[in-house]
Amino acid sequence: MTRVQKIEQEIEELRPKELAELRRWFAEYDNARWDEQIEADAQAGRLDALATEALDAYRRGETREL
């Protein structure tokens, strides 16, 4: 049995309150990892082309307000 399968099995055995707690924790954990990745990508310049493209589209009047 893989680690993931073991974790899945444990999750299936959680009570509803425990499952809700796990969901909250995982959402926070996942969001923090995503934020770290975006920050690292921005610092490394991997988002520069996207930012330039968006600003160019704005300057050409190809955008709309949300």
C-alpha atoms as a PDB file:
ATOM      1  CA  MET A   1       0.000   0.000   0.000  1.00  0.00           C
ATOM      2  CA  THR A   2       1.376   3.422  -0.925  1.00  0.00           C
ATOM      3  CA  ARG A   3       1.567   6.369   1.457  1.00  0.00           C
ATOM      4  CA  VAL A   4      -1.242   8.070  -0.441  1.00  0.00           C
ATOM      5  CA  GLN A   5      -3.448   4.992  -0.169  1.00  0.00           C
ATOM      6  CA  LYS A   6      -2.781   4.866   3.585  1.00  0.00           C
ATOM      7  CA  ILE A   7      -3.706   8.537   3.923  1.00  0.00           C
ATOM      8  CA  GLU A   8      -6.858   7.980   1.857  1.00  0.00           C
ATOM      9  CA  GLN A   9      -7.834   5.100   4.105  1.00  0.00           C
ATOM     10  CA  GLU A  10      -7.307   7.233   7.210  1.00  0.00           C
ATOM     11  CA  ILE A  11      -9.370  10.058   5.717  1.00  0.00           C
ATOM     12  CA  GLU A  12     -12.231   7.683   4.965  1.00  0.00           C
ATOM     13  CA  GLU A  13     -12.340   6.824   8.662  1.00  0.00           C
ATOM     14  CA  LEU A  14     -12.621  10.409   9.890  1.00  0.00           C
ATOM     15  CA  ARG A  15     -15.766  11.636  11.581  1.00  0.00           C
ATOM     16  CA  PRO A  16     -17.535  14.585   9.907  1.00  0.00           C
ATOM     17  CA  LYS A  17     -16.077  17.119  12.367  1.00  0.00           C
ATOM     18  CA  GLU A  18     -12.572  15.773  11.826  1.00  0.00           C
ATOM     19  CA  LEU A  19     -13.046  15.823   8.060  1.00  0.00           C
ATOM     20  CA  ALA A  20     -14.151  19.467   8.204  1.00  0.00           C
ATOM     21  CA  GLU A  21     -11.064  20.291  10.253  1.00  0.00           C
ATOM     22  CA  LEU A  22      -8.853  18.505   7.723  1.00  0.00           C
ATOM     23  CA  ARG A  23     -10.503  20.374   4.842  1.00  0.00           C
ATOM     24  CA  ARG A  24      -9.844  23.730   6.527  1.00  0.00           C
ATOM     25  CA  TRP A  25      -6.244  22.808   7.285  1.00  0.00           C
ATOM     26  CA  PHE A  26      -5.573  21.521   3.776  1.00  0.00           C
ATOM     27  CA  ALA A  27      -7.105  24.604   2.126  1.00  0.00           C
ATOM     28  CA  GLU A  28      -4.841  26.842   4.210  1.00  0.00           C
ATOM     29  CA  TYR A  29      -1.821  24.620   3.534  1.00  0.00           C
ATOM     30  CA  ASP A  30      -2.493  24.462  -0.204  1.00  0.00           C
ATOM     31  CA  ASN A  31      -3.084  28.217  -0.442  1.00  0.00           C
ATOM     32  CA  ALA A  32       0.186  28.934   1.374  1.00  0.00           C
ATOM     33  CA  ARG A  33       2.125  26.633  -0.985  1.00  0.00           C
ATOM     34  CA  TRP A  34       0.471  28.320  -3.993  1.00  0.00           C
ATOM     35  CA  ASP A  35       1.379  31.775  -2.658  1.00  0.00           C
ATOM     36  CA  GLU A  36       4.991  30.645  -2.154  1.00  0.00           C
ATOM     37  CA  GLN A  37       5.164  29.315  -5.715  1.00  0.00           C
ATOM     38  CA  ILE A  38       3.710  32.499  -7.218  1.00  0.00           C
ATOM     39  CA  GLU A  39       6.139  34.604  -5.188  1.00  0.00           C
ATOM     40  CA  ALA A  40       9.098  32.470  -6.290  1.00  0.00           C
ATOM     41  CA  ASP A  41       7.988  32.652  -9.922  1.00  0.00           C
ATOM     42  CA  ALA A  42       7.590  36.426  -9.697  1.00  0.00           C
ATOM     43  CA  GLN A  43      11.010  36.863  -8.084  1.00  0.00           C
ATOM     44  CA  ALA A  44      12.599  34.672 -10.773  1.00  0.00           C
ATOM     45  CA  GLY A  45      10.980  36.697 -13.558  1.00  0.00           C
ATOM     46  CA  ARG A  46       8.867  33.815 -14.835  1.00  0.00           C
ATOM     47  CA  LEU A  47       5.758  36.035 -14.828  1.00  0.00           C
ATOM     48  CA  ASP A  48       7.328  39.015 -16.574  1.00  0.00           C
ATOM     49  CA  ALA A  49       6.133  38.019 -20.050  1.00  0.00           C
ATOM     50  CA  LEU A  50       2.563  37.652 -18.794  1.00  0.00           C
ATOM     51  CA  ALA A  51       2.671  41.028 -17.075  1.00  0.00           C
ATOM     52  CA  THR A  52       4.049  42.678 -20.211  1.00  0.00           C
ATOM     53  CA  GLU A  53       1.370  41.060 -22.338  1.00  0.00           C
ATOM     54  CA  ALA A  54      -1.380  42.225 -19.982  1.00  0.00           C
ATOM     55  CA  LEU A  55      -0.057  45.788 -19.824  1.00  0.00           C
ATOM     56  CA  ASP A  56       0.256  45.931 -23.607  1.00  0.00           C
ATOM     57  CA  ALA A  57      -3.349  44.771 -24.000  1.00  0.00           C
ATOM     58  CA  TYR A  58      -4.441  47.420 -21.499  1.00  0.00           C
ATOM     59  CA  ARG A  59      -2.577  50.152 -23.367  1.00  0.00           C
ATOM     60  CA  ARG A  60      -4.176  49.043 -26.644  1.00  0.00           C
ATOM     61  CA  GLY A  61      -7.609  49.325 -25.016  1.00  0.00           C
ATOM     62  CA  GLU A  62      -8.266  45.592 -25.294  1.00  0.00           C
ATOM     63  CA  THR A  63      -9.321  45.158 -21.674  1.00  0.00           C
ATOM     64  CA  ARG A  64     -12.552  45.663 -19.807  1.00  0.00           C
ATOM     65  CA  GLU A  65     -13.413  46.385 -16.211  1.00  0.00           C
ATOM     66  CA  LEU A  66     -14.410  43.471 -14.059  1.00  0.00           C
END
